[in-house]
Amino acid sequence: ASTFAVFAAGRAYDQIRNSVCYPKLNVKI
């Protein structure tokens, strides 16, 4: 999944935390 860092890490932080990292899913940001 690609976009500018400000949007990837910033705008989508909640989804990265709860939808990707918490269930430890195989997503490459």
PDB file of all heavy atoms in Angstrom:
ATOM      1  N   ALA A   1       0.840  -1.198   0.000  1.00  0.00           N
ATOM      2  CA  ALA A   1       0.000   0.000   0.000  1.00  0.00           C
ATOM      3  C   ALA A   1       0.871   1.242   0.000  1.00  0.00           C
ATOM      4  O   ALA A   1       1.718   1.408   0.883  1.00  0.00           O
ATOM      5  CB  ALA A   1      -0.919  -0.003   1.219  1.00  0.00           C
ATOM      6  N   SER A   2       0.666   2.115  -0.966  1.00  0.00           N
ATOM      7  CA  SER A   2       1.554   3.262  -1.139  1.00  0.00           C
ATOM      8  C   SER A   2       0.830   4.592  -1.203  1.00  0.00           C
ATOM      9  O   SER A   2      -0.240   4.708  -1.808  1.00  0.00           O
ATOM     10  CB  SER A   2       2.371   3.091  -2.429  1.00  0.00           C
ATOM     11  OG  SER A   2       3.083   1.884  -2.416  1.00  0.00           O
ATOM     12  N   THR A   3       1.433   5.580  -0.593  1.00  0.00           N
ATOM     13  CA  THR A   3       1.036   6.972  -0.710  1.00  0.00           C
ATOM     14  C   THR A   3       2.157   7.791  -0.084  1.00  0.00           C
ATOM     15  O   THR A   3       3.184   7.233   0.325  1.00  0.00           O
ATOM     16  CB  THR A   3      -0.311   7.256  -0.028  1.00  0.00           C
ATOM     17  OG1 THR A   3      -0.683   8.627  -0.275  1.00  0.00           O
ATOM     18  CG2 THR A   3      -0.256   7.029   1.469  1.00  0.00           C
ATOM     19  N   PHE A   4       1.999   9.105  -0.014  1.00  0.00           N
ATOM     20  CA  PHE A   4       3.016   9.931   0.640  1.00  0.00           C
ATOM     21  C   PHE A   4       3.061   9.586   2.125  1.00  0.00           C
ATOM     22  O   PHE A   4       2.032   9.257   2.746  1.00  0.00           O
ATOM     23  CB  PHE A   4       2.697  11.408   0.466  1.00  0.00           C
ATOM     24  CG  PHE A   4       2.867  11.930  -0.940  1.00  0.00           C
ATOM     25  CD1 PHE A   4       3.260  11.116  -1.982  1.00  0.00           C
ATOM     26  CD2 PHE A   4       2.610  13.270  -1.219  1.00  0.00           C
ATOM     27  CE1 PHE A   4       3.414  11.603  -3.275  1.00  0.00           C
ATOM     28  CE2 PHE A   4       2.759  13.773  -2.505  1.00  0.00           C
ATOM     29  CZ  PHE A   4       3.160  12.939  -3.533  1.00  0.00           C
ATOM     30  N   ALA A   5       4.229   9.698   2.712  1.00  0.00           N
ATOM     31  CA  ALA A   5       4.421   9.338   4.122  1.00  0.00           C
ATOM     32  C   ALA A   5       3.495  10.107   5.054  1.00  0.00           C
ATOM     33  O   ALA A   5       3.008   9.566   6.043  1.00  0.00           O
ATOM     34  CB  ALA A   5       5.880   9.565   4.527  1.00  0.00           C
ATOM     35  N   VAL A   6       3.229  11.369   4.740  1.00  0.00           N
ATOM     36  CA  VAL A   6       2.379  12.173   5.617  1.00  0.00           C
ATOM     37  C   VAL A   6       0.964  11.613   5.687  1.00  0.00           C
ATOM     38  O   VAL A   6       0.297  11.707   6.724  1.00  0.00           O
ATOM     39  CB  VAL A   6       2.372  13.653   5.166  1.00  0.00           C
ATOM     40  CG1 VAL A   6       1.650  13.836   3.835  1.00  0.00           C
ATOM     41  CG2 VAL A   6       1.778  14.548   6.249  1.00  0.00           C
ATOM     42  N   PHE A   7       0.513  10.997   4.604  1.00  0.00           N
ATOM     43  CA  PHE A   7      -0.817  10.395   4.583  1.00  0.00           C
ATOM     44  C   PHE A   7      -0.786   8.952   5.088  1.00  0.00           C
ATOM     45  O   PHE A   7      -1.713   8.508   5.777  1.00  0.00           O
ATOM     46  CB  PHE A   7      -1.391  10.425   3.168  1.00  0.00           C
ATOM     47  CG  PHE A   7      -1.417  11.784   2.551  1.00  0.00           C
ATOM     48  CD1 PHE A   7      -0.902  12.016   1.280  1.00  0.00           C
ATOM     49  CD2 PHE A   7      -1.945  12.865   3.241  1.00  0.00           C
ATOM     50  CE1 PHE A   7      -0.927  13.276   0.714  1.00  0.00           C
ATOM     51  CE2 PHE A   7      -1.969  14.138   2.678  1.00  0.00           C
ATOM     52  CZ  PHE A   7      -1.456  14.342   1.412  1.00  0.00           C
ATOM     53  N   ALA A   8       0.267   8.237   4.740  1.00  0.00           N
ATOM     54  CA  ALA A   8       0.359   6.828   5.140  1.00  0.00           C
ATOM     55  C   ALA A   8       0.474   6.690   6.652  1.00  0.00           C
ATOM     56  O   ALA A   8      -0.322   5.995   7.288  1.00  0.00           O
ATOM     57  CB  ALA A   8       1.557   6.169   4.453  1.00  0.00           C
ATOM     58  N   ALA A   9       1.466   7.362   7.228  1.00  0.00           N
ATOM     59  CA  ALA A   9       1.707   7.228   8.666  1.00  0.00           C
ATOM     60  C   ALA A   9       0.808   8.128   9.497  1.00  0.00           C
ATOM     61  O   ALA A   9       0.488   7.805  10.638  1.00  0.00           O
ATOM     62  CB  ALA A   9       3.170   7.542   8.975  1.00  0.00           C
ATOM     63  N   GLY A  10       0.393   9.250   8.916  1.00  0.00           N
ATOM     64  CA  GLY A  10      -0.390  10.219   9.671  1.00  0.00           C
ATOM     65  C   GLY A  10      -1.884  10.018   9.558  1.00  0.00           C
ATOM     66  O   GLY A  10      -2.564   9.674  10.529  1.00  0.00           O
ATOM     67  N   ARG A  11      -2.406  10.184   8.376  1.00  0.00           N
ATOM     68  CA  ARG A  11      -3.860  10.114   8.183  1.00  0.00           C
ATOM     69  C   ARG A  11      -4.414   8.720   8.462  1.00  0.00           C
ATOM     70  O   ARG A  11      -5.533   8.565   8.957  1.00  0.00           O
ATOM     71  CB  ARG A  11      -4.207  10.550   6.759  1.00  0.00           C
ATOM     72  CG  ARG A  11      -5.690  10.608   6.467  1.00  0.00           C
ATOM     73  CD  ARG A  11      -5.937  11.261   5.126  1.00  0.00           C
ATOM     74  NE  ARG A  11      -5.571  12.682   5.128  1.00  0.00           N
ATOM     75  CZ  ARG A  11      -5.457  13.415   4.018  1.00  0.00           C
ATOM     76  NH1 ARG A  11      -5.658  12.864   2.837  1.00  0.00           N
ATOM     77  NH2 ARG A  11      -5.122  14.692   4.098  1.00  0.00           N
ATOM     78  N   ALA A  12      -3.628   7.700   8.161  1.00  0.00           N
ATOM     79  CA  ALA A  12      -4.127   6.332   8.310  1.00  0.00           C
ATOM     80  C   ALA A  12      -3.572   5.633   9.550  1.00  0.00           C
ATOM     81  O   ALA A  12      -3.630   4.403   9.652  1.00  0.00           O
ATOM     82  CB  ALA A  12      -3.779   5.520   7.061  1.00  0.00           C
ATOM     83  N   TYR A  13      -3.090   6.394  10.514  1.00  0.00           N
ATOM     84  CA  TYR A  13      -2.459   5.791  11.695  1.00  0.00           C
ATOM     85  C   TYR A  13      -3.411   4.841  12.429  1.00  0.00           C
ATOM     86  O   TYR A  13      -3.026   3.741  12.825  1.00  0.00           O
ATOM     87  CB  TYR A  13      -1.968   6.870  12.653  1.00  0.00           C
ATOM     88  CG  TYR A  13      -1.325   6.309  13.902  1.00  0.00           C
ATOM     89  CD1 TYR A  13      -0.004   5.877  13.883  1.00  0.00           C
ATOM     90  CD2 TYR A  13      -2.037   6.193  15.089  1.00  0.00           C
ATOM     91  CE1 TYR A  13       0.589   5.337  15.011  1.00  0.00           C
ATOM     92  CE2 TYR A  13      -1.452   5.651  16.227  1.00  0.00           C
ATOM     93  CZ  TYR A  13      -0.140   5.227  16.182  1.00  0.00           C
ATOM     94  OH  TYR A  13       0.436   4.696  17.300  1.00  0.00           O
ATOM     95  N   ASP A  14      -4.643   5.257  12.623  1.00  0.00           N
ATOM     96  CA  ASP A  14      -5.594   4.432  13.369  1.00  0.00           C
ATOM     97  C   ASP A  14      -5.808   3.081  12.692  1.00  0.00           C
ATOM     98  O   ASP A  14      -5.861   2.037  13.346  1.00  0.00           O
ATOM     99  CB  ASP A  14      -6.929   5.170  13.508  1.00  0.00           C
ATOM    100  CG  ASP A  14      -7.952   4.370  14.294  1.00  0.00           C
ATOM    101  OD1 ASP A  14      -7.710   4.104  15.480  1.00  0.00           O
ATOM    102  OD2 ASP A  14      -8.994   4.014  13.719  1.00  0.00           O
ATOM    103  N   GLN A  15      -5.919   3.105  11.366  1.00  0.00           N
ATOM    104  CA  GLN A  15      -6.133   1.861  10.631  1.00  0.00           C
ATOM    105  C   GLN A  15      -4.883   0.979  10.673  1.00  0.00           C
ATOM    106  O   GLN A  15      -4.992  -0.253  10.751  1.00  0.00           O
ATOM    107  CB  GLN A  15      -6.518   2.171   9.181  1.00  0.00           C
ATOM    108  CG  GLN A  15      -7.933   2.682   9.001  1.00  0.00           C
ATOM    109  CD  GLN A  15      -8.149   4.082   9.576  1.00  0.00           C
ATOM    110  OE1 GLN A  15      -7.224   4.907   9.597  1.00  0.00           O
ATOM    111  NE2 GLN A  15      -9.360   4.357  10.033  1.00  0.00           N
ATOM    112  N   ILE A  16      -3.709   1.606  10.601  1.00  0.00           N
ATOM    113  CA  ILE A  16      -2.472   0.826  10.700  1.00  0.00           C
ATOM    114  C   ILE A  16      -2.379   0.168  12.072  1.00  0.00           C
ATOM    115  O   ILE A  16      -2.049  -1.008  12.198  1.00  0.00           O
ATOM    116  CB  ILE A  16      -1.240   1.723  10.454  1.00  0.00           C
ATOM    117  CG1 ILE A  16      -1.227   2.217   9.007  1.00  0.00           C
ATOM    118  CG2 ILE A  16       0.050   0.967  10.768  1.00  0.00           C
ATOM    119  CD1 ILE A  16      -0.164   3.261   8.724  1.00  0.00           C
ATOM    120  N   ARG A  17      -2.710   0.935  13.097  1.00  0.00           N
ATOM    121  CA  ARG A  17      -2.610   0.415  14.465  1.00  0.00           C
ATOM    122  C   ARG A  17      -3.596  -0.728  14.714  1.00  0.00           C
ATOM    123  O   ARG A  17      -3.208  -1.809  15.182  1.00  0.00           O
ATOM    124  CB  ARG A  17      -2.870   1.538  15.470  1.00  0.00           C
ATOM    125  CG  ARG A  17      -2.766   1.117  16.928  1.00  0.00           C
ATOM    126  CD  ARG A  17      -3.140   2.260  17.859  1.00  0.00           C
ATOM    127  NE  ARG A  17      -2.880   1.918  19.248  1.00  0.00           N
ATOM    128  CZ  ARG A  17      -3.724   1.271  20.049  1.00  0.00           C
ATOM    129  NH1 ARG A  17      -4.911   0.874  19.574  1.00  0.00           N
ATOM    130  NH2 ARG A  17      -3.395   0.993  21.301  1.00  0.00           N
ATOM    131  N   ASN A  18      -4.865  -0.479  14.420  1.00  0.00           N
ATOM    132  CA  ASN A  18      -5.911  -1.413  14.822  1.00  0.00           C
ATOM    133  C   ASN A  18      -6.271  -2.475  13.785  1.00  0.00           C
ATOM    134  O   ASN A  18      -6.725  -3.568  14.145  1.00  0.00           O
ATOM    135  CB  ASN A  18      -7.171  -0.636  15.214  1.00  0.00           C
ATOM    136  CG  ASN A  18      -6.957   0.183  16.475  1.00  0.00           C
ATOM    137  OD1 ASN A  18      -6.354  -0.294  17.425  1.00  0.00           O
ATOM    138  ND2 ASN A  18      -7.429   1.415  16.481  1.00  0.00           N
ATOM    139  N   SER A  19      -6.088  -2.147  12.511  1.00  0.00           N
ATOM    140  CA  SER A  19      -6.477  -3.103  11.466  1.00  0.00           C
ATOM    141  C   SER A  19      -5.308  -3.885  10.890  1.00  0.00           C
ATOM    142  O   SER A  19      -5.507  -4.919  10.256  1.00  0.00           O
ATOM    143  CB  SER A  19      -7.208  -2.372  10.326  1.00  0.00           C
ATOM    144  OG  SER A  19      -8.395  -1.770  10.798  1.00  0.00           O
ATOM    145  N   VAL A  20      -4.073  -3.381  11.093  1.00  0.00           N
ATOM    146  CA  VAL A  20      -2.898  -4.060  10.538  1.00  0.00           C
ATOM    147  C   VAL A  20      -2.001  -4.619  11.641  1.00  0.00           C
ATOM    148  O   VAL A  20      -1.724  -5.820  11.677  1.00  0.00           O
ATOM    149  CB  VAL A  20      -2.090  -3.108   9.625  1.00  0.00           C
ATOM    150  CG1 VAL A  20      -0.799  -3.792   9.150  1.00  0.00           C
ATOM    151  CG2 VAL A  20      -2.925  -2.687   8.423  1.00  0.00           C
ATOM    152  N   CYS A  21      -1.553  -3.752  12.553  1.00  0.00           N
ATOM    153  CA  CYS A  21      -0.583  -4.199  13.559  1.00  0.00           C
ATOM    154  C   CYS A  21      -1.211  -5.055  14.656  1.00  0.00           C
ATOM    155  O   CYS A  21      -0.622  -6.052  15.085  1.00  0.00           O
ATOM    156  CB  CYS A  21       0.130  -2.997  14.169  1.00  0.00           C
ATOM    157  SG  CYS A  21       1.318  -2.235  13.040  1.00  0.00           S
ATOM    158  N   TYR A  22      -2.374  -4.668  15.136  1.00  0.00           N
ATOM    159  CA  TYR A  22      -3.000  -5.425  16.224  1.00  0.00           C
ATOM    160  C   TYR A  22      -3.253  -6.884  15.823  1.00  0.00           C
ATOM    161  O   TYR A  22      -2.901  -7.818  16.566  1.00  0.00           O
ATOM    162  CB  TYR A  22      -4.297  -4.732  16.668  1.00  0.00           C
ATOM    163  CG  TYR A  22      -4.992  -5.420  17.818  1.00  0.00           C
ATOM    164  CD1 TYR A  22      -4.363  -5.579  19.049  1.00  0.00           C
ATOM    165  CD2 TYR A  22      -6.281  -5.921  17.664  1.00  0.00           C
ATOM    166  CE1 TYR A  22      -5.003  -6.228  20.096  1.00  0.00           C
ATOM    167  CE2 TYR A  22      -6.926  -6.567  18.705  1.00  0.00           C
ATOM    168  CZ  TYR A  22      -6.276  -6.713  19.927  1.00  0.00           C
ATOM    169  OH  TYR A  22      -6.913  -7.356  20.952  1.00  0.00           O
ATOM    170  N   PRO A  23      -3.819  -7.143  14.641  1.00  0.00           N
ATOM    171  CA  PRO A  23      -3.996  -8.541  14.221  1.00  0.00           C
ATOM    172  C   PRO A  23      -2.763  -9.111  13.508  1.00  0.00           C
ATOM    173  O   PRO A  23      -2.784 -10.264  13.059  1.00  0.00           O
ATOM    174  CB  PRO A  23      -5.186  -8.470  13.260  1.00  0.00           C
ATOM    175  CG  PRO A  23      -5.134  -7.103  12.698  1.00  0.00           C
ATOM    176  CD  PRO A  23      -4.568  -6.208  13.761  1.00  0.00           C
ATOM    177  N   LYS A  24      -1.709  -8.304  13.406  1.00  0.00           N
ATOM    178  CA  LYS A  24      -0.446  -8.702  12.763  1.00  0.00           C
ATOM    179  C   LYS A  24      -0.680  -9.235  11.357  1.00  0.00           C
ATOM    180  O   LYS A  24      -0.293 -10.351  11.013  1.00  0.00           O
ATOM    181  CB  LYS A  24       0.303  -9.741  13.606  1.00  0.00           C
ATOM    182  CG  LYS A  24       1.774  -9.877  13.235  1.00  0.00           C
ATOM    183  CD  LYS A  24       2.509 -10.883  14.112  1.00  0.00           C
ATOM    184  CE  LYS A  24       3.954 -11.000  13.696  1.00  0.00           C
ATOM    185  NZ  LYS A  24       4.701 -11.995  14.533  1.00  0.00           N
ATOM    186  N   LEU A  25      -1.294  -8.393  10.530  1.00  0.00           N
ATOM    187  CA  LEU A  25      -1.582  -8.793   9.162  1.00  0.00           C
ATOM    188  C   LEU A  25      -0.430  -8.461   8.223  1.00  0.00           C
ATOM    189  O   LEU A  25       0.369  -7.553   8.475  1.00  0.00           O
ATOM    190  CB  LEU A  25      -2.875  -8.137   8.694  1.00  0.00           C
ATOM    191  CG  LEU A  25      -4.141  -8.622   9.407  1.00  0.00           C
ATOM    192  CD1 LEU A  25      -5.368  -7.881   8.897  1.00  0.00           C
ATOM    193  CD2 LEU A  25      -4.324 -10.126   9.261  1.00  0.00           C
ATOM    194  N   ASN A  26      -0.390  -9.172   7.131  1.00  0.00           N
ATOM    195  CA  ASN A  26       0.746  -9.126   6.215  1.00  0.00           C
ATOM    196  C   ASN A  26       0.614  -7.975   5.204  1.00  0.00           C
ATOM    197  O   ASN A  26       0.491  -8.201   3.996  1.00  0.00           O
ATOM    198  CB  ASN A  26       0.863 -10.460   5.487  1.00  0.00           C
ATOM    199  CG  ASN A  26       2.215 -10.653   4.842  1.00  0.00           C
ATOM    200  OD1 ASN A  26       3.205 -10.042   5.236  1.00  0.00           O
ATOM    201  ND2 ASN A  26       2.258 -11.519   3.849  1.00  0.00           N
ATOM    202  N   VAL A  27       0.650  -6.748   5.715  1.00  0.00           N
ATOM    203  CA  VAL A  27       0.510  -5.552   4.876  1.00  0.00           C
ATOM    204  C   VAL A  27       1.832  -4.792   4.837  1.00  0.00           C
ATOM    205  O   VAL A  27       2.435  -4.526   5.881  1.00  0.00           O
ATOM    206  CB  VAL A  27      -0.601  -4.624   5.410  1.00  0.00           C
ATOM    207  CG1 VAL A  27      -0.700  -3.361   4.567  1.00  0.00           C
ATOM    208  CG2 VAL A  27      -1.936  -5.366   5.429  1.00  0.00           C
ATOM    209  N   LYS A  28       2.261  -4.428   3.639  1.00  0.00           N
ATOM    210  CA  LYS A  28       3.491  -3.659   3.461  1.00  0.00           C
ATOM    211  C   LYS A  28       3.120  -2.214   3.110  1.00  0.00           C
ATOM    212  O   LYS A  28       2.551  -1.949   2.052  1.00  0.00           O
ATOM    213  CB  LYS A  28       4.346  -4.257   2.350  1.00  0.00           C
ATOM    214  CG  LYS A  28       4.451  -5.785   2.369  1.00  0.00           C
ATOM    215  CD  LYS A  28       4.892  -6.350   3.699  1.00  0.00           C
ATOM    216  CE  LYS A  28       4.826  -7.879   3.686  1.00  0.00           C
ATOM    217  NZ  LYS A  28       5.138  -8.462   5.005  1.00  0.00           N
ATOM    218  N   ILE A  29       3.420  -1.300   4.025  1.00  0.00           N
ATOM    219  CA  ILE A  29       3.103   0.107   3.823  1.00  0.00           C
ATOM    220  C   ILE A  29       4.359   0.795   3.306  1.00  0.00           C
ATOM    221  O   ILE A  29       5.349   0.929   4.022  1.00  0.00           O
ATOM    222  CB  ILE A  29       2.614   0.748   5.130  1.00  0.00           C
ATOM    223  CG1 ILE A  29       1.360   0.020   5.627  1.00  0.00           C
ATOM    224  CG2 ILE A  29       2.321   2.240   4.941  1.00  0.00           C
ATOM    225  CD1 ILE A  29       1.119   0.164   7.100  1.00  0.00           C
TER     226      ILE A  29
END
